[in-house]
N, C-alpha and C. Protein backbone atom coordinates (compact mmCIF):
# COMPACT_ATOMS: atom_id res chain seq x y z
N MET A 1 64.91 148.32 103.72
CA MET A 1 64.29 147.65 104.84
C MET A 1 62.82 147.38 104.50
N PRO A 2 62.33 146.15 104.72
CA PRO A 2 60.94 145.84 104.40
C PRO A 2 59.98 146.63 105.27
N THR A 3 58.90 147.05 104.65
CA THR A 3 57.88 147.80 105.37
C THR A 3 56.86 146.84 105.97
N ALA A 4 56.05 147.36 106.89
CA ALA A 4 55.02 146.54 107.51
C ALA A 4 54.00 146.09 106.47
N SER A 5 53.64 146.99 105.54
CA SER A 5 52.67 146.60 104.51
C SER A 5 53.28 145.58 103.56
N GLY A 6 54.59 145.68 103.32
CA GLY A 6 55.26 144.70 102.48
C GLY A 6 55.28 143.33 103.13
N ASN A 7 55.46 143.31 104.46
CA ASN A 7 55.44 142.04 105.18
C ASN A 7 54.05 141.42 105.16
N LYS A 8 53.02 142.23 105.30
CA LYS A 8 51.65 141.72 105.26
C LYS A 8 51.31 141.19 103.87
N ALA A 9 51.86 141.80 102.86
CA ALA A 9 51.61 141.34 101.49
C ALA A 9 52.28 140.00 101.23
N LEU A 10 53.27 139.63 102.02
CA LEU A 10 53.96 138.35 101.85
C LEU A 10 53.15 137.16 102.37
N PHE A 11 52.24 137.40 103.30
CA PHE A 11 51.51 136.30 103.92
C PHE A 11 50.80 135.39 102.91
N PRO A 12 50.07 135.92 101.94
CA PRO A 12 49.43 135.01 100.96
C PRO A 12 50.45 134.18 100.18
N VAL A 13 51.60 134.76 99.86
CA VAL A 13 52.63 134.02 99.12
C VAL A 13 53.18 132.91 100.00
N ILE A 14 53.41 133.21 101.28
CA ILE A 14 53.92 132.20 102.21
C ILE A 14 52.90 131.09 102.40
N TYR A 15 51.64 131.44 102.56
CA TYR A 15 50.59 130.43 102.72
C TYR A 15 50.50 129.53 101.49
N PHE A 16 50.56 130.13 100.31
CA PHE A 16 50.48 129.34 99.08
C PHE A 16 51.67 128.39 98.99
N PHE A 17 52.86 128.88 99.32
CA PHE A 17 54.06 128.04 99.30
C PHE A 17 53.89 126.84 100.23
N LEU A 18 53.40 127.09 101.43
CA LEU A 18 53.21 126.00 102.40
C LEU A 18 52.15 125.01 101.93
N ILE A 19 51.07 125.51 101.38
CA ILE A 19 50.00 124.62 100.89
C ILE A 19 50.52 123.74 99.75
N ILE A 20 51.26 124.34 98.82
CA ILE A 20 51.80 123.56 97.70
C ILE A 20 52.80 122.52 98.21
N ASN A 21 53.65 122.90 99.17
CA ASN A 21 54.60 121.93 99.72
C ASN A 21 53.90 120.78 100.41
N ILE A 22 52.85 121.07 101.16
CA ILE A 22 52.09 120.01 101.83
C ILE A 22 51.45 119.09 100.79
N CYS A 23 50.87 119.69 99.76
CA CYS A 23 50.25 118.88 98.69
C CYS A 23 51.29 118.02 97.97
N LEU A 24 52.43 118.61 97.66
CA LEU A 24 53.48 117.84 96.98
C LEU A 24 54.00 116.71 97.86
N PHE A 25 54.18 117.00 99.14
CA PHE A 25 54.64 115.97 100.06
C PHE A 25 53.62 114.85 100.18
N SER A 26 52.34 115.22 100.25
CA SER A 26 51.27 114.22 100.38
C SER A 26 51.13 113.37 99.13
N LEU A 27 51.39 113.98 97.98
CA LEU A 27 51.20 113.28 96.71
C LEU A 27 52.50 112.79 96.07
N GLN A 28 53.59 112.78 96.83
CA GLN A 28 54.87 112.41 96.23
C GLN A 28 54.90 110.98 95.71
N TRP A 29 54.07 110.12 96.24
CA TRP A 29 54.02 108.74 95.75
C TRP A 29 53.18 108.64 94.48
N LEU A 30 52.23 109.56 94.31
CA LEU A 30 51.33 109.53 93.16
C LEU A 30 51.91 110.23 91.93
N LEU A 31 52.71 111.26 92.15
CA LEU A 31 53.24 112.04 91.03
C LEU A 31 54.07 111.21 90.04
N PRO A 32 54.99 110.33 90.51
CA PRO A 32 55.74 109.53 89.53
C PRO A 32 54.84 108.60 88.71
N LEU A 33 53.75 108.16 89.29
CA LEU A 33 52.82 107.29 88.55
C LEU A 33 52.18 108.02 87.38
N SER A 34 52.02 109.34 87.52
CA SER A 34 51.45 110.14 86.44
C SER A 34 52.52 110.79 85.57
N GLY A 35 53.79 110.44 85.81
CA GLY A 35 54.87 110.92 84.96
C GLY A 35 55.44 112.27 85.33
N VAL A 36 55.17 112.74 86.55
CA VAL A 36 55.65 114.05 86.98
C VAL A 36 56.83 113.86 87.92
N ASN A 37 57.92 114.57 87.66
CA ASN A 37 59.10 114.51 88.52
C ASN A 37 58.87 115.38 89.75
N TYR A 38 58.80 114.73 90.89
CA TYR A 38 58.51 115.38 92.17
C TYR A 38 59.58 116.42 92.51
N ARG A 39 60.84 116.11 92.29
CA ARG A 39 61.93 117.04 92.64
C ARG A 39 61.87 118.33 91.83
N VAL A 40 61.56 118.21 90.56
CA VAL A 40 61.49 119.41 89.71
C VAL A 40 60.40 120.34 90.23
N LEU A 41 59.26 119.79 90.61
CA LEU A 41 58.18 120.62 91.15
C LEU A 41 58.56 121.25 92.49
N ARG A 42 59.23 120.50 93.35
CA ARG A 42 59.63 121.05 94.64
C ARG A 42 60.64 122.18 94.47
N ILE A 43 61.64 121.96 93.61
CA ILE A 43 62.65 123.00 93.37
C ILE A 43 62.01 124.21 92.68
N GLY A 44 61.13 123.94 91.72
CA GLY A 44 60.42 125.03 91.05
C GLY A 44 59.58 125.84 92.01
N ASN A 45 58.90 125.16 92.92
CA ASN A 45 58.07 125.85 93.92
C ASN A 45 58.95 126.70 94.83
N LEU A 46 60.09 126.17 95.26
CA LEU A 46 60.99 126.94 96.11
C LEU A 46 61.53 128.17 95.38
N LEU A 47 61.93 128.00 94.13
CA LEU A 47 62.44 129.13 93.35
C LEU A 47 61.36 130.19 93.14
N LEU A 48 60.16 129.73 92.82
CA LEU A 48 59.04 130.67 92.64
C LEU A 48 58.74 131.42 93.94
N PHE A 49 58.83 130.74 95.05
CA PHE A 49 58.58 131.38 96.35
C PHE A 49 59.63 132.45 96.65
N LEU A 50 60.91 132.10 96.48
CA LEU A 50 61.98 133.04 96.79
C LEU A 50 61.92 134.28 95.91
N VAL A 51 61.75 134.08 94.62
CA VAL A 51 61.66 135.22 93.71
C VAL A 51 60.35 135.98 93.95
N GLY A 52 59.29 135.25 94.29
CA GLY A 52 58.01 135.89 94.58
C GLY A 52 58.08 136.81 95.79
N CYS A 53 58.83 136.42 96.81
CA CYS A 53 58.98 137.28 97.99
C CYS A 53 59.67 138.59 97.62
N ILE A 54 60.71 138.51 96.83
CA ILE A 54 61.41 139.72 96.38
C ILE A 54 60.49 140.56 95.51
N SER A 55 59.76 139.90 94.63
CA SER A 55 58.86 140.60 93.72
C SER A 55 57.75 141.33 94.47
N VAL A 56 57.19 140.70 95.50
CA VAL A 56 56.13 141.34 96.28
C VAL A 56 56.68 142.59 96.96
N GLN A 57 57.86 142.49 97.53
CA GLN A 57 58.46 143.65 98.19
C GLN A 57 58.65 144.79 97.19
N MET A 58 59.13 144.46 96.00
CA MET A 58 59.33 145.49 94.98
C MET A 58 58.01 146.10 94.53
N THR A 59 57.01 145.26 94.35
CA THR A 59 55.70 145.74 93.89
C THR A 59 55.04 146.63 94.94
N VAL A 60 55.11 146.24 96.20
CA VAL A 60 54.53 147.06 97.26
C VAL A 60 55.23 148.41 97.33
N LYS A 61 56.56 148.40 97.22
CA LYS A 61 57.30 149.66 97.22
C LYS A 61 56.88 150.52 96.04
N ALA A 62 56.70 149.89 94.87
CA ALA A 62 56.29 150.64 93.68
C ALA A 62 54.90 151.24 93.86
N LEU A 63 53.98 150.49 94.43
CA LEU A 63 52.61 150.97 94.57
C LEU A 63 52.45 152.01 95.67
N THR A 64 53.34 152.03 96.63
CA THR A 64 53.19 152.97 97.73
C THR A 64 54.06 154.22 97.55
N ASP A 65 54.93 154.23 96.58
CA ASP A 65 55.80 155.40 96.36
C ASP A 65 55.10 156.41 95.47
N LYS A 66 55.26 157.66 95.79
CA LYS A 66 54.61 158.73 95.02
C LYS A 66 55.36 159.06 93.74
N ASN A 67 56.64 158.72 93.67
CA ASN A 67 57.48 159.04 92.53
C ASN A 67 57.20 158.06 91.38
N THR A 68 56.85 158.59 90.23
CA THR A 68 56.54 157.75 89.06
C THR A 68 57.75 156.97 88.60
N GLN A 69 58.93 157.57 88.68
CA GLN A 69 60.14 156.87 88.25
C GLN A 69 60.42 155.65 89.12
N VAL A 70 60.21 155.79 90.43
CA VAL A 70 60.39 154.65 91.33
C VAL A 70 59.38 153.57 91.01
N PHE A 71 58.14 153.98 90.75
CA PHE A 71 57.09 153.02 90.39
C PHE A 71 57.50 152.21 89.17
N LEU A 72 57.89 152.89 88.11
CA LEU A 72 58.28 152.19 86.87
C LEU A 72 59.51 151.32 87.08
N LYS A 73 60.49 151.84 87.80
CA LYS A 73 61.72 151.08 88.04
C LYS A 73 61.42 149.79 88.81
N MET A 74 60.58 149.86 89.81
CA MET A 74 60.27 148.68 90.63
C MET A 74 59.41 147.67 89.87
N ILE A 75 58.42 148.14 89.13
CA ILE A 75 57.55 147.23 88.39
C ILE A 75 58.35 146.52 87.29
N TYR A 76 59.10 147.27 86.51
CA TYR A 76 59.91 146.66 85.45
C TYR A 76 61.02 145.79 86.04
N GLY A 77 61.60 146.24 87.14
CA GLY A 77 62.64 145.45 87.79
C GLY A 77 62.11 144.12 88.29
N SER A 78 60.91 144.14 88.84
CA SER A 78 60.28 142.91 89.32
C SER A 78 60.03 141.95 88.16
N PHE A 79 59.51 142.49 87.05
CA PHE A 79 59.26 141.65 85.87
C PHE A 79 60.56 141.07 85.33
N LEU A 80 61.58 141.91 85.19
CA LEU A 80 62.85 141.44 84.64
C LEU A 80 63.53 140.43 85.56
N LEU A 81 63.44 140.64 86.86
CA LEU A 81 64.01 139.70 87.81
C LEU A 81 63.38 138.32 87.61
N LYS A 82 62.04 138.28 87.60
CA LYS A 82 61.36 136.99 87.43
C LYS A 82 61.69 136.37 86.08
N PHE A 83 61.66 137.18 85.03
CA PHE A 83 61.91 136.65 83.69
C PHE A 83 63.29 136.01 83.58
N PHE A 84 64.33 136.74 84.00
CA PHE A 84 65.68 136.22 83.84
C PHE A 84 66.00 135.06 84.79
N VAL A 85 65.50 135.11 86.00
CA VAL A 85 65.75 134.00 86.94
C VAL A 85 65.08 132.72 86.43
N PHE A 86 63.83 132.83 85.98
CA PHE A 86 63.13 131.62 85.52
C PHE A 86 63.65 131.15 84.17
N ALA A 87 64.03 132.06 83.31
CA ALA A 87 64.62 131.67 82.03
C ALA A 87 65.95 130.94 82.26
N ALA A 88 66.76 131.47 83.17
CA ALA A 88 68.04 130.82 83.47
C ALA A 88 67.83 129.46 84.12
N ALA A 89 66.85 129.35 85.01
CA ALA A 89 66.57 128.07 85.66
C ALA A 89 66.08 127.04 84.64
N ALA A 90 65.17 127.44 83.76
CA ALA A 90 64.67 126.52 82.74
C ALA A 90 65.78 126.12 81.77
N PHE A 91 66.59 127.08 81.35
CA PHE A 91 67.70 126.78 80.45
C PHE A 91 68.70 125.82 81.10
N THR A 92 69.01 126.06 82.37
CA THR A 92 69.94 125.18 83.08
C THR A 92 69.39 123.77 83.18
N TYR A 93 68.12 123.65 83.57
CA TYR A 93 67.49 122.33 83.70
C TYR A 93 67.46 121.61 82.36
N ILE A 94 67.04 122.31 81.32
CA ILE A 94 66.92 121.68 80.00
C ILE A 94 68.30 121.30 79.46
N SER A 95 69.30 122.15 79.65
CA SER A 95 70.64 121.82 79.13
C SER A 95 71.29 120.69 79.92
N MET A 96 70.97 120.56 81.20
CA MET A 96 71.56 119.48 82.00
C MET A 96 70.94 118.13 81.69
N TYR A 97 69.65 118.10 81.47
CA TYR A 97 68.95 116.82 81.32
C TYR A 97 68.57 116.48 79.88
N LYS A 98 68.70 117.40 78.97
CA LYS A 98 68.43 117.24 77.55
C LYS A 98 67.25 116.32 77.25
N LYS A 99 67.48 115.05 76.98
CA LYS A 99 66.40 114.14 76.58
C LYS A 99 65.58 113.63 77.76
N GLU A 100 66.07 113.83 78.97
CA GLU A 100 65.36 113.36 80.15
C GLU A 100 64.52 114.45 80.81
N VAL A 101 64.31 115.55 80.11
CA VAL A 101 63.52 116.65 80.65
C VAL A 101 62.10 116.16 80.91
N ASN A 102 61.60 116.47 82.09
CA ASN A 102 60.27 116.07 82.46
C ASN A 102 59.28 117.20 82.12
N LYS A 103 58.65 117.08 80.97
CA LYS A 103 57.74 118.13 80.50
C LYS A 103 56.54 118.34 81.41
N PRO A 104 55.93 117.28 81.95
CA PRO A 104 54.80 117.53 82.87
C PRO A 104 55.21 118.37 84.08
N ALA A 105 56.41 118.15 84.60
CA ALA A 105 56.87 118.94 85.75
C ALA A 105 57.14 120.39 85.33
N LEU A 106 57.69 120.60 84.13
CA LEU A 106 57.91 121.97 83.65
C LEU A 106 56.58 122.70 83.48
N PHE A 107 55.59 122.01 82.93
CA PHE A 107 54.28 122.63 82.78
C PHE A 107 53.62 122.86 84.15
N GLY A 108 53.90 121.97 85.10
CA GLY A 108 53.43 122.18 86.47
C GLY A 108 54.04 123.43 87.08
N CYS A 109 55.33 123.64 86.82
CA CYS A 109 56.00 124.85 87.30
C CYS A 109 55.43 126.09 86.62
N LEU A 110 55.08 125.97 85.36
CA LEU A 110 54.45 127.08 84.65
C LEU A 110 53.11 127.42 85.30
N GLY A 111 52.34 126.40 85.64
CA GLY A 111 51.07 126.63 86.32
C GLY A 111 51.27 127.29 87.68
N LEU A 112 52.28 126.82 88.42
CA LEU A 112 52.60 127.44 89.70
C LEU A 112 53.00 128.90 89.52
N TYR A 113 53.74 129.18 88.46
CA TYR A 113 54.16 130.56 88.16
C TYR A 113 52.93 131.46 87.99
N VAL A 114 51.94 130.97 87.26
CA VAL A 114 50.72 131.76 87.04
C VAL A 114 50.02 132.03 88.38
N PHE A 115 49.89 130.99 89.22
CA PHE A 115 49.24 131.17 90.51
C PHE A 115 50.03 132.13 91.40
N TYR A 116 51.34 131.97 91.45
CA TYR A 116 52.16 132.88 92.26
C TYR A 116 52.01 134.32 91.78
N THR A 117 51.99 134.53 90.48
CA THR A 117 51.87 135.88 89.94
C THR A 117 50.53 136.50 90.33
N VAL A 118 49.46 135.74 90.22
CA VAL A 118 48.14 136.25 90.60
C VAL A 118 48.11 136.59 92.09
N ILE A 119 48.65 135.71 92.91
CA ILE A 119 48.66 135.94 94.36
C ILE A 119 49.51 137.16 94.71
N GLU A 120 50.67 137.29 94.07
CA GLU A 120 51.54 138.44 94.33
C GLU A 120 50.84 139.75 94.00
N VAL A 121 50.24 139.81 92.84
CA VAL A 121 49.60 141.05 92.40
C VAL A 121 48.41 141.38 93.30
N ARG A 122 47.58 140.39 93.60
CA ARG A 122 46.42 140.63 94.46
C ARG A 122 46.82 141.11 95.84
N SER A 123 47.81 140.46 96.44
CA SER A 123 48.20 140.86 97.79
C SER A 123 48.86 142.24 97.80
N ALA A 124 49.65 142.54 96.78
CA ALA A 124 50.27 143.86 96.71
C ALA A 124 49.21 144.94 96.49
N MET A 125 48.22 144.67 95.65
CA MET A 125 47.16 145.64 95.41
C MET A 125 46.32 145.86 96.68
N LYS A 126 46.04 144.80 97.42
CA LYS A 126 45.30 144.95 98.68
C LYS A 126 46.06 145.84 99.65
N GLN A 127 47.36 145.59 99.77
CA GLN A 127 48.16 146.40 100.68
C GLN A 127 48.24 147.85 100.21
N SER A 128 48.28 148.05 98.91
CA SER A 128 48.32 149.40 98.37
C SER A 128 47.03 150.15 98.70
N LYS A 129 45.90 149.47 98.53
CA LYS A 129 44.61 150.10 98.86
C LYS A 129 44.52 150.45 100.34
N LYS A 130 45.02 149.55 101.19
CA LYS A 130 44.97 149.79 102.63
C LYS A 130 45.87 150.97 103.01
N SER A 131 47.05 151.05 102.39
CA SER A 131 47.97 152.13 102.76
C SER A 131 47.53 153.48 102.18
N ASN A 132 46.77 153.47 101.09
CA ASN A 132 46.28 154.71 100.51
C ASN A 132 45.02 155.21 101.18
N ALA A 133 44.35 154.35 101.90
CA ALA A 133 43.09 154.75 102.55
C ALA A 133 43.30 155.53 103.81
């Protein structure tokens, strides 16, 4: 069951998801002109958001648990979850579209991944500090 601190740690991830969606929706006419596939970015953003929510919950649980084994299990589990989900998504996209792969959109998703990771870690660390105080 999600904790109150875990729910509070989700707010920055939710806000970022909404901001990116608004930006993508506003710029959907401009993105194809610059060679970026709008759909790939939208799907990538949704996937990053869904996995990010699970990852934040795992990270908050890891940071608030006193047991070292739980901490390691949750941190490594969060990393492995993100790694395998995104590797499978990229492999599926690349194998389906082969020569039509939109590299700018893939690199855009990579950039979003970096931002989501920073936001996840910062929000989880803030919640951990608040719960330990």
